[in-house]
N, C-alpha and C. Protein backbone atom coordinates (compact mmCIF):
# COMPACT_ATOMS: atom_id res chain seq x y z
N UNK A 1 212.32 58.21 115.26
CA UNK A 1 212.61 58.31 113.85
C UNK A 1 211.83 57.23 113.11
N UNK A 2 211.12 57.63 112.08
CA UNK A 2 210.35 56.70 111.26
C UNK A 2 211.12 56.44 109.96
N UNK A 3 211.36 55.18 109.67
CA UNK A 3 212.14 54.83 108.48
C UNK A 3 211.25 54.12 107.47
N UNK A 4 211.39 54.52 106.22
CA UNK A 4 210.69 53.84 105.14
C UNK A 4 211.71 53.35 104.14
N UNK A 5 211.29 52.41 103.34
CA UNK A 5 212.17 51.88 102.29
C UNK A 5 212.24 52.82 101.11
N UNK A 6 212.55 52.29 99.95
CA UNK A 6 212.72 53.15 98.79
C UNK A 6 211.39 53.74 98.33
N UNK A 7 211.48 54.77 97.53
CA UNK A 7 210.30 55.50 97.07
C UNK A 7 209.93 55.11 95.65
N UNK A 8 209.84 53.82 95.40
CA UNK A 8 209.42 53.35 94.08
C UNK A 8 210.39 53.72 92.97
N UNK A 9 211.67 53.77 93.31
CA UNK A 9 212.66 54.07 92.28
C UNK A 9 212.79 55.53 91.92
N UNK A 10 212.16 56.43 92.69
CA UNK A 10 212.25 57.87 92.43
C UNK A 10 213.71 58.31 92.47
N UNK A 11 214.08 59.16 91.52
CA UNK A 11 215.46 59.66 91.45
C UNK A 11 215.49 61.18 91.58
N UNK A 12 216.54 61.66 92.21
CA UNK A 12 216.79 63.10 92.30
C UNK A 12 218.18 63.37 91.75
N UNK A 13 218.32 64.49 91.08
CA UNK A 13 219.62 64.85 90.52
C UNK A 13 220.03 66.24 90.93
N UNK A 14 221.13 66.70 90.35
CA UNK A 14 221.66 68.02 90.68
C UNK A 14 220.64 69.12 90.41
N UNK A 15 219.81 68.95 89.38
CA UNK A 15 218.81 69.97 89.06
C UNK A 15 217.81 70.15 90.20
N UNK A 16 217.34 69.05 90.78
CA UNK A 16 216.37 69.11 91.89
C UNK A 16 217.03 69.56 93.20
N UNK A 17 218.27 69.14 93.40
CA UNK A 17 218.95 69.39 94.67
C UNK A 17 219.70 70.71 94.72
N UNK A 18 220.05 71.24 93.57
CA UNK A 18 220.86 72.45 93.54
C UNK A 18 222.30 72.18 93.95
N UNK A 19 222.71 70.93 93.91
CA UNK A 19 224.08 70.52 94.26
C UNK A 19 224.36 69.20 93.56
N UNK A 20 225.64 68.93 93.35
CA UNK A 20 226.03 67.68 92.72
C UNK A 20 225.80 66.51 93.67
N UNK A 21 225.50 65.35 93.08
CA UNK A 21 225.38 64.13 93.87
C UNK A 21 226.75 63.68 94.34
N UNK A 22 226.77 62.98 95.47
CA UNK A 22 228.01 62.39 95.95
C UNK A 22 228.45 61.28 95.01
N UNK A 23 229.72 61.01 94.97
CA UNK A 23 230.27 59.98 94.08
C UNK A 23 229.67 58.60 94.37
N UNK A 24 229.45 58.29 95.66
CA UNK A 24 228.89 56.99 96.04
C UNK A 24 227.47 57.08 96.59
N UNK A 25 227.16 58.17 97.29
CA UNK A 25 225.83 58.34 97.89
C UNK A 25 225.65 59.80 98.31
N UNK A 26 224.39 60.19 98.50
CA UNK A 26 224.07 61.55 98.93
C UNK A 26 223.05 61.49 100.05
N UNK A 27 223.31 62.24 101.11
CA UNK A 27 222.37 62.39 102.23
C UNK A 27 221.65 63.71 102.02
N UNK A 28 220.35 63.65 101.77
CA UNK A 28 219.56 64.86 101.53
C UNK A 28 218.71 65.13 102.76
N UNK A 29 218.87 66.32 103.33
CA UNK A 29 218.15 66.70 104.54
C UNK A 29 217.19 67.83 104.22
N UNK A 30 215.91 67.62 104.52
CA UNK A 30 214.91 68.68 104.43
C UNK A 30 214.75 69.28 105.82
N UNK A 31 214.98 70.59 105.92
CA UNK A 31 214.93 71.29 107.21
C UNK A 31 214.00 72.49 107.11
N UNK A 32 213.71 73.07 108.28
CA UNK A 32 212.98 74.33 108.33
C UNK A 32 213.64 75.23 109.36
N UNK A 33 213.37 76.52 109.26
CA UNK A 33 214.10 77.53 110.03
C UNK A 33 214.06 77.31 111.55
N UNK A 34 212.90 76.95 112.09
CA UNK A 34 212.76 76.88 113.55
C UNK A 34 212.78 75.44 114.08
N UNK A 35 213.35 74.55 113.32
CA UNK A 35 213.38 73.13 113.66
C UNK A 35 214.62 72.83 114.48
N UNK A 36 214.44 72.60 115.78
CA UNK A 36 215.58 72.30 116.66
C UNK A 36 216.27 70.97 116.29
N UNK A 37 215.54 69.89 116.05
CA UNK A 37 216.22 68.64 115.68
C UNK A 37 216.99 68.73 114.35
N UNK A 38 216.65 69.71 113.52
CA UNK A 38 217.34 69.86 112.23
C UNK A 38 218.81 70.20 112.44
N UNK A 39 219.11 70.99 113.48
CA UNK A 39 220.50 71.38 113.74
C UNK A 39 221.34 70.16 114.10
N UNK A 40 220.80 69.32 114.98
CA UNK A 40 221.52 68.11 115.39
C UNK A 40 221.66 67.16 114.20
N UNK A 41 220.61 67.08 113.38
CA UNK A 41 220.65 66.22 112.19
C UNK A 41 221.72 66.71 111.23
N UNK A 42 221.83 68.03 111.05
CA UNK A 42 222.85 68.61 110.18
C UNK A 42 224.25 68.18 110.64
N UNK A 43 224.50 68.24 111.94
CA UNK A 43 225.81 67.84 112.48
C UNK A 43 226.07 66.36 112.24
N UNK A 44 225.07 65.53 112.52
CA UNK A 44 225.21 64.08 112.34
C UNK A 44 225.52 63.73 110.89
N UNK A 45 224.74 64.28 109.96
CA UNK A 45 224.93 63.96 108.55
C UNK A 45 226.26 64.48 108.03
N UNK A 46 226.67 65.67 108.47
CA UNK A 46 227.96 66.22 108.05
C UNK A 46 229.10 65.34 108.55
N UNK A 47 229.00 64.84 109.79
CA UNK A 47 230.03 63.94 110.33
C UNK A 47 230.11 62.65 109.53
N UNK A 48 228.96 62.07 109.21
CA UNK A 48 228.95 60.82 108.44
C UNK A 48 229.53 61.07 107.04
N UNK A 49 229.15 62.18 106.40
CA UNK A 49 229.66 62.49 105.06
C UNK A 49 231.17 62.66 105.09
N UNK A 50 231.71 63.21 106.19
CA UNK A 50 233.16 63.35 106.32
C UNK A 50 233.84 62.01 106.52
N UNK A 51 233.17 61.10 107.24
CA UNK A 51 233.75 59.79 107.56
C UNK A 51 233.77 58.84 106.37
N UNK A 52 232.78 58.92 105.52
CA UNK A 52 232.61 57.93 104.45
C UNK A 52 232.97 58.56 103.10
N UNK A 53 233.99 58.02 102.46
CA UNK A 53 234.44 58.55 101.16
C UNK A 53 233.32 58.50 100.13
N UNK A 54 233.22 59.56 99.33
CA UNK A 54 232.27 59.59 98.23
C UNK A 54 230.84 59.90 98.63
N UNK A 55 230.63 60.29 99.91
CA UNK A 55 229.27 60.62 100.38
C UNK A 55 229.19 62.12 100.60
N UNK A 56 228.13 62.73 100.07
CA UNK A 56 227.93 64.16 100.30
C UNK A 56 226.64 64.39 101.07
N UNK A 57 226.55 65.58 101.69
CA UNK A 57 225.38 65.98 102.48
C UNK A 57 224.83 67.25 101.85
N UNK A 58 223.53 67.22 101.52
CA UNK A 58 222.86 68.39 100.95
C UNK A 58 221.68 68.72 101.85
N UNK A 59 221.61 69.97 102.30
CA UNK A 59 220.48 70.40 103.13
C UNK A 59 219.61 71.35 102.33
N UNK A 60 218.31 71.07 102.33
CA UNK A 60 217.35 71.89 101.61
C UNK A 60 216.35 72.50 102.59
N UNK A 61 216.01 73.76 102.38
CA UNK A 61 214.99 74.42 103.19
C UNK A 61 213.62 74.00 102.65
N UNK A 62 212.86 73.31 103.47
CA UNK A 62 211.56 72.77 103.03
C UNK A 62 210.62 73.88 102.57
N UNK A 63 210.68 75.03 103.22
CA UNK A 63 209.78 76.13 102.86
C UNK A 63 210.13 76.72 101.49
N UNK A 64 211.42 76.72 101.16
CA UNK A 64 211.85 77.26 99.86
C UNK A 64 211.64 76.25 98.74
N UNK A 65 211.49 74.98 99.09
CA UNK A 65 211.37 73.92 98.10
C UNK A 65 210.03 73.19 98.21
N UNK A 66 208.95 73.96 98.39
CA UNK A 66 207.63 73.36 98.63
C UNK A 66 207.18 72.40 97.53
N UNK A 67 207.50 72.72 96.29
CA UNK A 67 207.08 71.85 95.19
C UNK A 67 207.71 70.46 95.33
N UNK A 68 209.01 70.43 95.63
CA UNK A 68 209.71 69.16 95.81
C UNK A 68 209.21 68.44 97.07
N UNK A 69 208.96 69.18 98.14
CA UNK A 69 208.42 68.61 99.38
C UNK A 69 207.09 67.90 99.09
N UNK A 70 206.23 68.56 98.35
CA UNK A 70 204.92 67.96 98.02
C UNK A 70 205.09 66.74 97.12
N UNK A 71 205.95 66.87 96.13
CA UNK A 71 206.18 65.76 95.19
C UNK A 71 206.68 64.51 95.92
N UNK A 72 207.52 64.71 96.93
CA UNK A 72 208.11 63.59 97.67
C UNK A 72 207.28 63.18 98.88
N UNK A 73 206.22 63.91 99.18
CA UNK A 73 205.36 63.56 100.31
C UNK A 73 206.04 63.74 101.66
N UNK A 74 206.86 64.76 101.78
CA UNK A 74 207.55 65.03 103.05
C UNK A 74 206.60 65.78 103.97
N UNK A 75 206.38 65.23 105.17
CA UNK A 75 205.38 65.76 106.08
C UNK A 75 205.97 66.49 107.28
N UNK A 76 207.26 66.27 107.57
CA UNK A 76 207.87 66.93 108.73
C UNK A 76 209.35 67.12 108.52
N UNK A 77 209.92 67.98 109.35
CA UNK A 77 211.36 68.18 109.31
C UNK A 77 211.93 67.81 110.67
N UNK A 78 213.14 67.24 110.71
CA UNK A 78 213.92 66.89 109.52
C UNK A 78 213.43 65.59 108.89
N UNK A 79 213.54 65.54 107.58
CA UNK A 79 213.39 64.29 106.84
C UNK A 79 214.68 64.10 106.07
N UNK A 80 215.22 62.89 106.13
CA UNK A 80 216.47 62.56 105.46
C UNK A 80 216.21 61.51 104.38
N UNK A 81 216.72 61.78 103.20
CA UNK A 81 216.67 60.81 102.10
C UNK A 81 218.10 60.34 101.85
N UNK A 82 218.26 59.04 101.65
CA UNK A 82 219.56 58.49 101.27
C UNK A 82 219.46 58.11 99.80
N UNK A 83 220.32 58.73 98.99
CA UNK A 83 220.34 58.47 97.55
C UNK A 83 221.57 57.65 97.19
N UNK A 84 221.41 56.75 96.23
CA UNK A 84 222.58 56.03 95.74
C UNK A 84 223.33 56.92 94.73
N UNK A 85 224.38 56.40 94.13
CA UNK A 85 225.20 57.20 93.22
C UNK A 85 224.42 57.75 92.04
N UNK A 86 223.35 57.04 91.64
CA UNK A 86 222.53 57.48 90.52
C UNK A 86 221.39 58.39 90.93
N UNK A 87 221.29 58.72 92.22
CA UNK A 87 220.24 59.61 92.69
C UNK A 87 218.94 58.92 93.07
N UNK A 88 218.93 57.58 93.05
CA UNK A 88 217.72 56.83 93.42
C UNK A 88 217.57 56.85 94.94
N UNK A 89 216.35 57.12 95.40
CA UNK A 89 216.08 57.13 96.84
C UNK A 89 216.04 55.69 97.34
N UNK A 90 216.99 55.34 98.22
CA UNK A 90 217.03 53.98 98.75
C UNK A 90 216.51 53.91 100.19
N UNK A 91 216.50 55.04 100.90
CA UNK A 91 216.00 55.09 102.28
C UNK A 91 215.46 56.47 102.57
N UNK A 92 214.49 56.52 103.47
CA UNK A 92 213.89 57.77 103.91
C UNK A 92 213.61 57.65 105.39
N UNK A 93 213.89 58.70 106.14
CA UNK A 93 213.62 58.70 107.57
C UNK A 93 213.16 60.09 108.00
N UNK A 94 212.14 60.12 108.84
CA UNK A 94 211.65 61.38 109.41
C UNK A 94 212.08 61.42 110.87
N UNK A 95 212.50 62.60 111.32
CA UNK A 95 212.96 62.74 112.69
C UNK A 95 214.48 62.72 112.75
N UNK A 96 215.00 62.93 113.93
CA UNK A 96 216.45 63.01 114.12
C UNK A 96 217.07 61.61 114.07
N UNK A 97 217.95 61.38 113.11
CA UNK A 97 218.57 60.04 112.99
C UNK A 97 219.77 59.88 113.91
N UNK A 98 220.05 58.65 114.29
CA UNK A 98 221.28 58.35 115.01
C UNK A 98 222.35 58.06 113.97
N UNK A 99 223.58 58.37 114.32
CA UNK A 99 224.70 58.19 113.39
C UNK A 99 224.78 56.74 112.91
N UNK A 100 224.59 55.78 113.81
CA UNK A 100 224.68 54.37 113.45
C UNK A 100 223.61 53.99 112.42
N UNK A 101 222.41 54.60 112.53
CA UNK A 101 221.34 54.33 111.56
C UNK A 101 221.66 54.92 110.19
N UNK A 102 222.27 56.09 110.18
CA UNK A 102 222.65 56.72 108.91
C UNK A 102 223.70 55.86 108.21
N UNK A 103 224.67 55.40 108.97
CA UNK A 103 225.74 54.56 108.40
C UNK A 103 225.14 53.25 107.86
N UNK A 104 224.21 52.66 108.60
CA UNK A 104 223.55 51.43 108.14
C UNK A 104 222.77 51.68 106.85
N UNK A 105 222.06 52.80 106.78
CA UNK A 105 221.28 53.14 105.58
C UNK A 105 222.20 53.35 104.38
N UNK A 106 223.38 53.92 104.63
CA UNK A 106 224.34 54.11 103.55
C UNK A 106 224.80 52.77 102.99
N UNK A 107 224.81 51.76 103.83
CA UNK A 107 225.21 50.43 103.37
C UNK A 107 224.34 49.93 102.24
N UNK A 108 223.09 50.37 102.20
CA UNK A 108 222.18 49.97 101.11
C UNK A 108 222.43 50.78 99.84
N UNK A 109 223.03 51.96 100.00
CA UNK A 109 223.20 52.86 98.86
C UNK A 109 224.50 52.64 98.11
N UNK A 110 225.55 52.20 98.83
CA UNK A 110 226.87 52.11 98.19
C UNK A 110 227.20 50.68 97.78
């Protein structure tokens, strides 16, 4: 898993995501249809969102959202973005994340 810091203050909102932001943070997952690690990532992020109050998980199909994928420079799936309550990207990771890493990244967002 490759982790990067924030994306220069880039923000995403309900309009870009097609879903409301979490009260405290949002885990945004870019997936594709035949991506095996995406399934495991979906389970991990859903578990973390259930464990941590005010955190939501939004999964986007990278192929259906090509414009956003290009705008954000997403090169592979799964890619996970951690957004703070205002939709600012505070962390980005490509590849299958470990639950402990997701929880640590949320610490920067909340």
